[in-house]
Amino acid sequence: MILATVGVFAYIGVQGLSSKVSSNVDSGAAYDQLAALKSEYSTLSGQFETVKKQVTKSGNQKVKKEFYDAQIELVKANSAVGDVESALSSNLPVEEVNRRISTATNQLQIAKTRLNTVKGQI
């Protein structure tokens, strides 16, 4: 009976340790993805600054409006990247972190597409 009890506790301990190791591996990958998202945002933000100068010089009101709309998407992307960082620092479940990573990735793509549309109108 004592051996069975020790066996059960050992099994529970191994499972708990295994779960923590798996969770740490998942969060390590998520931190890598966060770094990539931040890098992509930084690059995209720099591109926005370059295009902003061209838009201002163009004087075209339609292009300016399109650019401002694109900038709103960039702000949303920055917020989404911040949400990923918040989820990681709050130790939210991996599924929630992955959902936020997906949202940030999609929002960065939207901002990139909108910027390319503006570039095509200059």
N, C-alpha and C. Protein backbone atom coordinates (compact mmCIF):
# COMPACT_ATOMS: atom_id res chain seq x y z
N MET A 1 0.81 -1.19 0.00
CA MET A 1 0.00 0.00 0.00
C MET A 1 0.87 1.27 0.00
N ILE A 2 1.93 1.23 0.78
CA ILE A 2 2.84 2.38 0.84
C ILE A 2 3.51 2.57 -0.51
N LEU A 3 3.92 1.50 -1.14
CA LEU A 3 4.56 1.60 -2.45
C LEU A 3 3.60 2.18 -3.49
N ALA A 4 2.35 1.79 -3.42
CA ALA A 4 1.36 2.32 -4.36
C ALA A 4 1.19 3.82 -4.16
N THR A 5 1.16 4.26 -2.90
CA THR A 5 1.01 5.68 -2.60
C THR A 5 2.22 6.46 -3.10
N VAL A 6 3.41 5.94 -2.84
CA VAL A 6 4.64 6.59 -3.31
C VAL A 6 4.64 6.64 -4.84
N GLY A 7 4.18 5.58 -5.47
CA GLY A 7 4.11 5.54 -6.93
C GLY A 7 3.18 6.59 -7.49
N VAL A 8 2.03 6.77 -6.87
CA VAL A 8 1.07 7.78 -7.31
C VAL A 8 1.66 9.18 -7.17
N PHE A 9 2.28 9.48 -6.04
CA PHE A 9 2.89 10.79 -5.84
C PHE A 9 4.05 11.03 -6.81
N ALA A 10 4.82 10.01 -7.08
CA ALA A 10 5.92 10.14 -8.05
C ALA A 10 5.36 10.44 -9.44
N TYR A 11 4.31 9.74 -9.81
CA TYR A 11 3.68 9.97 -11.11
C TYR A 11 3.16 11.41 -11.22
N ILE A 12 2.49 11.87 -10.16
CA ILE A 12 1.96 13.25 -10.16
C ILE A 12 3.11 14.25 -10.26
N GLY A 13 4.18 14.01 -9.55
CA GLY A 13 5.34 14.90 -9.61
C GLY A 13 5.96 14.96 -10.99
N VAL A 14 6.10 13.81 -11.62
CA VAL A 14 6.69 13.75 -12.97
C VAL A 14 5.78 14.48 -13.96
N GLN A 15 4.47 14.28 -13.85
CA GLN A 15 3.52 14.94 -14.74
C GLN A 15 3.58 16.46 -14.57
N GLY A 16 3.65 16.91 -13.34
CA GLY A 16 3.73 18.35 -13.07
C GLY A 16 5.00 18.95 -13.64
N LEU A 17 6.12 18.26 -13.44
CA LEU A 17 7.39 18.73 -13.97
C LEU A 17 7.36 18.74 -15.49
N SER A 18 6.82 17.70 -16.08
CA SER A 18 6.72 17.62 -17.54
C SER A 18 5.88 18.75 -18.09
N SER A 19 4.79 19.07 -17.42
CA SER A 19 3.91 20.15 -17.84
C SER A 19 4.63 21.49 -17.77
N LYS A 20 5.40 21.71 -16.71
CA LYS A 20 6.14 22.97 -16.57
C LYS A 20 7.22 23.10 -17.63
N VAL A 21 7.92 22.04 -17.93
CA VAL A 21 8.94 22.06 -18.96
C VAL A 21 8.31 22.37 -20.31
N SER A 22 7.20 21.72 -20.62
CA SER A 22 6.49 21.97 -21.87
C SER A 22 6.02 23.42 -21.95
N SER A 23 5.51 23.93 -20.86
CA SER A 23 5.03 25.31 -20.81
C SER A 23 6.18 26.29 -21.03
N ASN A 24 7.34 26.00 -20.43
CA ASN A 24 8.49 26.88 -20.61
C ASN A 24 8.99 26.86 -22.05
N VAL A 25 8.94 25.72 -22.69
CA VAL A 25 9.35 25.63 -24.10
C VAL A 25 8.40 26.44 -24.96
N ASP A 26 7.08 26.31 -24.69
CA ASP A 26 6.09 27.07 -25.45
C ASP A 26 6.27 28.56 -25.25
N SER A 27 6.51 28.99 -24.01
CA SER A 27 6.66 30.42 -23.77
C SER A 27 7.97 30.93 -24.37
N GLY A 28 9.00 30.09 -24.42
CA GLY A 28 10.25 30.50 -25.07
C GLY A 28 10.04 30.77 -26.54
N ALA A 29 9.28 29.91 -27.19
CA ALA A 29 8.95 30.13 -28.61
C ALA A 29 8.10 31.38 -28.77
N ALA A 30 7.19 31.61 -27.82
CA ALA A 30 6.32 32.79 -27.89
C ALA A 30 7.15 34.07 -27.73
N TYR A 31 8.15 34.03 -26.86
CA TYR A 31 9.02 35.20 -26.71
C TYR A 31 9.81 35.45 -27.99
N ASP A 32 10.21 34.40 -28.67
CA ASP A 32 10.89 34.54 -29.96
C ASP A 32 9.95 35.18 -30.98
N GLN A 33 8.70 34.74 -30.98
CA GLN A 33 7.72 35.32 -31.91
C GLN A 33 7.45 36.78 -31.56
N LEU A 34 7.41 37.09 -30.28
CA LEU A 34 7.22 38.48 -29.86
C LEU A 34 8.36 39.36 -30.37
N ALA A 35 9.58 38.87 -30.26
CA ALA A 35 10.73 39.62 -30.75
C ALA A 35 10.62 39.85 -32.26
N ALA A 36 10.16 38.84 -32.98
CA ALA A 36 9.98 38.97 -34.43
C ALA A 36 8.88 39.98 -34.75
N LEU A 37 7.80 39.96 -33.98
CA LEU A 37 6.71 40.92 -34.19
C LEU A 37 7.18 42.35 -33.93
N LYS A 38 7.94 42.52 -32.86
CA LYS A 38 8.46 43.85 -32.54
C LYS A 38 9.39 44.35 -33.65
N SER A 39 10.21 43.47 -34.16
CA SER A 39 11.12 43.83 -35.24
C SER A 39 10.35 44.22 -36.50
N GLU A 40 9.34 43.42 -36.82
CA GLU A 40 8.52 43.71 -38.00
C GLU A 40 7.79 45.04 -37.83
N TYR A 41 7.28 45.29 -36.63
CA TYR A 41 6.60 46.57 -36.38
C TYR A 41 7.58 47.73 -36.54
N SER A 42 8.76 47.59 -36.00
CA SER A 42 9.77 48.65 -36.09
C SER A 42 10.12 48.96 -37.55
N THR A 43 10.31 47.92 -38.33
CA THR A 43 10.61 48.10 -39.76
C THR A 43 9.46 48.80 -40.47
N LEU A 44 8.26 48.34 -40.20
CA LEU A 44 7.07 48.91 -40.84
C LEU A 44 6.87 50.36 -40.42
N SER A 45 7.12 50.66 -39.17
CA SER A 45 6.99 52.03 -38.67
C SER A 45 7.97 52.96 -39.39
N GLY A 46 9.18 52.48 -39.63
CA GLY A 46 10.16 53.25 -40.38
C GLY A 46 9.71 53.51 -41.81
N GLN A 47 9.09 52.50 -42.42
CA GLN A 47 8.57 52.67 -43.77
C GLN A 47 7.45 53.71 -43.79
N PHE A 48 6.62 53.71 -42.75
CA PHE A 48 5.55 54.70 -42.66
C PHE A 48 6.14 56.12 -42.60
N GLU A 49 7.21 56.29 -41.86
CA GLU A 49 7.83 57.61 -41.75
C GLU A 49 8.35 58.08 -43.11
N THR A 50 8.94 57.18 -43.86
CA THR A 50 9.45 57.53 -45.19
C THR A 50 8.31 57.92 -46.12
N VAL A 51 7.25 57.13 -46.11
CA VAL A 51 6.11 57.39 -46.99
C VAL A 51 5.39 58.67 -46.56
N LYS A 52 5.38 58.93 -45.26
CA LYS A 52 4.72 60.15 -44.75
C LYS A 52 5.30 61.40 -45.40
N LYS A 53 6.62 61.42 -45.54
CA LYS A 53 7.27 62.57 -46.18
C LYS A 53 6.82 62.71 -47.63
N GLN A 54 6.72 61.60 -48.33
CA GLN A 54 6.29 61.62 -49.73
C GLN A 54 4.84 62.06 -49.85
N VAL A 55 4.00 61.59 -48.93
CA VAL A 55 2.58 61.95 -48.95
C VAL A 55 2.42 63.44 -48.69
N THR A 56 3.17 63.95 -47.74
CA THR A 56 3.09 65.38 -47.41
C THR A 56 3.51 66.22 -48.61
N LYS A 57 4.56 65.81 -49.30
CA LYS A 57 5.04 66.54 -50.48
C LYS A 57 4.04 66.48 -51.63
N SER A 58 3.30 65.38 -51.71
CA SER A 58 2.39 65.21 -52.85
C SER A 58 1.24 66.21 -52.83
N GLY A 59 0.78 66.56 -51.64
CA GLY A 59 -0.33 67.50 -51.53
C GLY A 59 -1.68 66.92 -51.94
N ASN A 60 -1.71 65.65 -52.30
CA ASN A 60 -2.94 64.99 -52.73
C ASN A 60 -3.77 64.62 -51.49
N GLN A 61 -4.96 65.21 -51.37
CA GLN A 61 -5.80 64.99 -50.20
C GLN A 61 -6.30 63.55 -50.10
N LYS A 62 -6.60 62.94 -51.23
CA LYS A 62 -7.07 61.56 -51.21
C LYS A 62 -5.97 60.63 -50.67
N VAL A 63 -4.76 60.85 -51.13
CA VAL A 63 -3.63 60.03 -50.67
C VAL A 63 -3.37 60.28 -49.18
N LYS A 64 -3.51 61.53 -48.75
CA LYS A 64 -3.31 61.84 -47.33
C LYS A 64 -4.33 61.09 -46.48
N LYS A 65 -5.58 61.07 -46.92
CA LYS A 65 -6.61 60.36 -46.17
C LYS A 65 -6.29 58.87 -46.11
N GLU A 66 -5.90 58.30 -47.24
CA GLU A 66 -5.53 56.88 -47.27
C GLU A 66 -4.36 56.60 -46.33
N PHE A 67 -3.41 57.53 -46.31
CA PHE A 67 -2.25 57.36 -45.44
C PHE A 67 -2.66 57.40 -43.97
N TYR A 68 -3.51 58.35 -43.62
CA TYR A 68 -3.96 58.44 -42.22
C TYR A 68 -4.73 57.19 -41.81
N ASP A 69 -5.53 56.67 -42.72
CA ASP A 69 -6.24 55.41 -42.44
C ASP A 69 -5.25 54.26 -42.24
N ALA A 70 -4.20 54.26 -43.05
CA ALA A 70 -3.17 53.23 -42.91
C ALA A 70 -2.44 53.38 -41.57
N GLN A 71 -2.22 54.63 -41.15
CA GLN A 71 -1.56 54.86 -39.87
C GLN A 71 -2.39 54.31 -38.71
N ILE A 72 -3.71 54.41 -38.83
CA ILE A 72 -4.58 53.85 -37.79
C ILE A 72 -4.36 52.35 -37.68
N GLU A 73 -4.19 51.70 -38.82
CA GLU A 73 -3.92 50.25 -38.81
C GLU A 73 -2.57 49.96 -38.16
N LEU A 74 -1.61 50.85 -38.35
CA LEU A 74 -0.30 50.67 -37.71
C LEU A 74 -0.42 50.81 -36.19
N VAL A 75 -1.24 51.74 -35.74
CA VAL A 75 -1.47 51.90 -34.30
C VAL A 75 -2.14 50.64 -33.74
N LYS A 76 -3.09 50.09 -34.48
CA LYS A 76 -3.74 48.85 -34.05
C LYS A 76 -2.72 47.71 -33.97
N ALA A 77 -1.80 47.68 -34.92
CA ALA A 77 -0.76 46.64 -34.92
C ALA A 77 0.13 46.79 -33.69
N ASN A 78 0.50 48.01 -33.37
CA ASN A 78 1.33 48.26 -32.19
C ASN A 78 0.60 47.80 -30.93
N SER A 79 -0.68 48.08 -30.86
CA SER A 79 -1.49 47.65 -29.72
C SER A 79 -1.55 46.12 -29.63
N ALA A 80 -1.70 45.48 -30.77
CA ALA A 80 -1.76 44.01 -30.80
C ALA A 80 -0.44 43.39 -30.35
N VAL A 81 0.67 43.98 -30.75
CA VAL A 81 1.99 43.50 -30.31
C VAL A 81 2.12 43.69 -28.79
N GLY A 82 1.64 44.82 -28.29
CA GLY A 82 1.64 45.05 -26.85
C GLY A 82 0.79 44.03 -26.11
N ASP A 83 -0.32 43.62 -26.73
CA ASP A 83 -1.18 42.60 -26.12
C ASP A 83 -0.45 41.26 -25.98
N VAL A 84 0.39 40.94 -26.95
CA VAL A 84 1.18 39.71 -26.88
C VAL A 84 2.15 39.80 -25.70
N GLU A 85 2.82 40.93 -25.60
CA GLU A 85 3.78 41.11 -24.51
C GLU A 85 3.08 41.04 -23.16
N SER A 86 1.90 41.65 -23.08
CA SER A 86 1.12 41.62 -21.84
C SER A 86 0.72 40.19 -21.47
N ALA A 87 0.28 39.43 -22.46
CA ALA A 87 -0.12 38.04 -22.21
C ALA A 87 1.05 37.22 -21.69
N LEU A 88 2.22 37.44 -22.25
CA LEU A 88 3.40 36.70 -21.81
C LEU A 88 3.81 37.10 -20.39
N SER A 89 3.80 38.39 -20.11
CA SER A 89 4.22 38.83 -18.78
C SER A 89 3.20 38.45 -17.71
N SER A 90 1.95 38.23 -18.12
CA SER A 90 0.90 37.83 -17.18
C SER A 90 0.79 36.31 -17.05
N ASN A 91 1.65 35.59 -17.78
CA ASN A 91 1.63 34.13 -17.77
C ASN A 91 0.25 33.56 -18.13
N LEU A 92 -0.37 34.15 -19.15
CA LEU A 92 -1.65 33.63 -19.62
C LEU A 92 -1.42 32.28 -20.30
N PRO A 93 -2.46 31.49 -20.44
CA PRO A 93 -2.31 30.18 -21.10
C PRO A 93 -1.75 30.31 -22.52
N VAL A 94 -1.06 29.27 -22.93
CA VAL A 94 -0.41 29.25 -24.24
C VAL A 94 -1.41 29.52 -25.36
N GLU A 95 -2.62 28.98 -25.22
CA GLU A 95 -3.63 29.18 -26.27
C GLU A 95 -3.95 30.66 -26.44
N GLU A 96 -4.05 31.39 -25.34
CA GLU A 96 -4.35 32.83 -25.39
C GLU A 96 -3.18 33.59 -25.99
N VAL A 97 -1.97 33.23 -25.60
CA VAL A 97 -0.78 33.87 -26.17
C VAL A 97 -0.74 33.65 -27.68
N ASN A 98 -0.99 32.42 -28.10
CA ASN A 98 -0.98 32.11 -29.53
C ASN A 98 -2.07 32.87 -30.28
N ARG A 99 -3.23 33.03 -29.66
CA ARG A 99 -4.31 33.79 -30.29
C ARG A 99 -3.88 35.24 -30.47
N ARG A 100 -3.23 35.79 -29.47
CA ARG A 100 -2.79 37.18 -29.57
C ARG A 100 -1.65 37.34 -30.57
N ILE A 101 -0.80 36.35 -30.66
CA ILE A 101 0.27 36.39 -31.68
C ILE A 101 -0.35 36.40 -33.07
N SER A 102 -1.35 35.56 -33.27
CA SER A 102 -2.04 35.50 -34.55
C SER A 102 -2.71 36.84 -34.88
N THR A 103 -3.35 37.44 -33.90
CA THR A 103 -3.99 38.75 -34.09
C THR A 103 -2.95 39.80 -34.47
N ALA A 104 -1.84 39.82 -33.77
CA ALA A 104 -0.79 40.81 -34.06
C ALA A 104 -0.20 40.60 -35.45
N THR A 105 0.01 39.35 -35.82
CA THR A 105 0.53 39.05 -37.16
C THR A 105 -0.43 39.54 -38.24
N ASN A 106 -1.71 39.26 -38.04
CA ASN A 106 -2.72 39.70 -39.01
C ASN A 106 -2.79 41.22 -39.08
N GLN A 107 -2.73 41.89 -37.94
CA GLN A 107 -2.83 43.34 -37.93
C GLN A 107 -1.62 43.98 -38.59
N LEU A 108 -0.45 43.41 -38.38
CA LEU A 108 0.74 43.91 -39.07
C LEU A 108 0.60 43.75 -40.59
N GLN A 109 0.02 42.65 -41.01
CA GLN A 109 -0.19 42.42 -42.44
C GLN A 109 -1.18 43.43 -43.02
N ILE A 110 -2.22 43.74 -42.27
CA ILE A 110 -3.20 44.74 -42.72
C ILE A 110 -2.53 46.09 -42.88
N ALA A 111 -1.73 46.48 -41.89
CA ALA A 111 -1.04 47.77 -41.96
C ALA A 111 -0.08 47.81 -43.14
N LYS A 112 0.60 46.70 -43.38
CA LYS A 112 1.54 46.62 -44.50
C LYS A 112 0.80 46.75 -45.83
N THR A 113 -0.32 46.08 -45.95
CA THR A 113 -1.11 46.14 -47.18
C THR A 113 -1.61 47.56 -47.42
N ARG A 114 -2.10 48.20 -46.37
CA ARG A 114 -2.61 49.57 -46.51
C ARG A 114 -1.49 50.52 -46.91
N LEU A 115 -0.30 50.33 -46.35
CA LEU A 115 0.83 51.17 -46.72
C LEU A 115 1.20 50.97 -48.18
N ASN A 116 1.19 49.73 -48.63
CA ASN A 116 1.50 49.44 -50.04
C ASN A 116 0.48 50.08 -50.97
N THR A 117 -0.78 50.13 -50.53
CA THR A 117 -1.81 50.80 -51.33
C THR A 117 -1.49 52.28 -51.47
N VAL A 118 -1.08 52.90 -50.37
CA VAL A 118 -0.71 54.32 -50.41
C VAL A 118 0.49 54.53 -51.32
N LYS A 119 1.50 53.66 -51.18
CA LYS A 119 2.68 53.77 -52.05
C LYS A 119 2.31 53.73 -53.52
N GLY A 120 1.34 52.90 -53.84
CA GLY A 120 0.90 52.77 -55.23
C GLY A 120 0.19 54.00 -55.76
N GLN A 121 -0.28 54.85 -54.86
CA GLN A 121 -1.00 56.07 -55.28
C GLN A 121 -0.11 57.29 -55.36
N ILE A 122 1.10 57.17 -54.86
CA ILE A 122 2.00 58.34 -54.87
C ILE A 122 2.62 58.51 -56.24
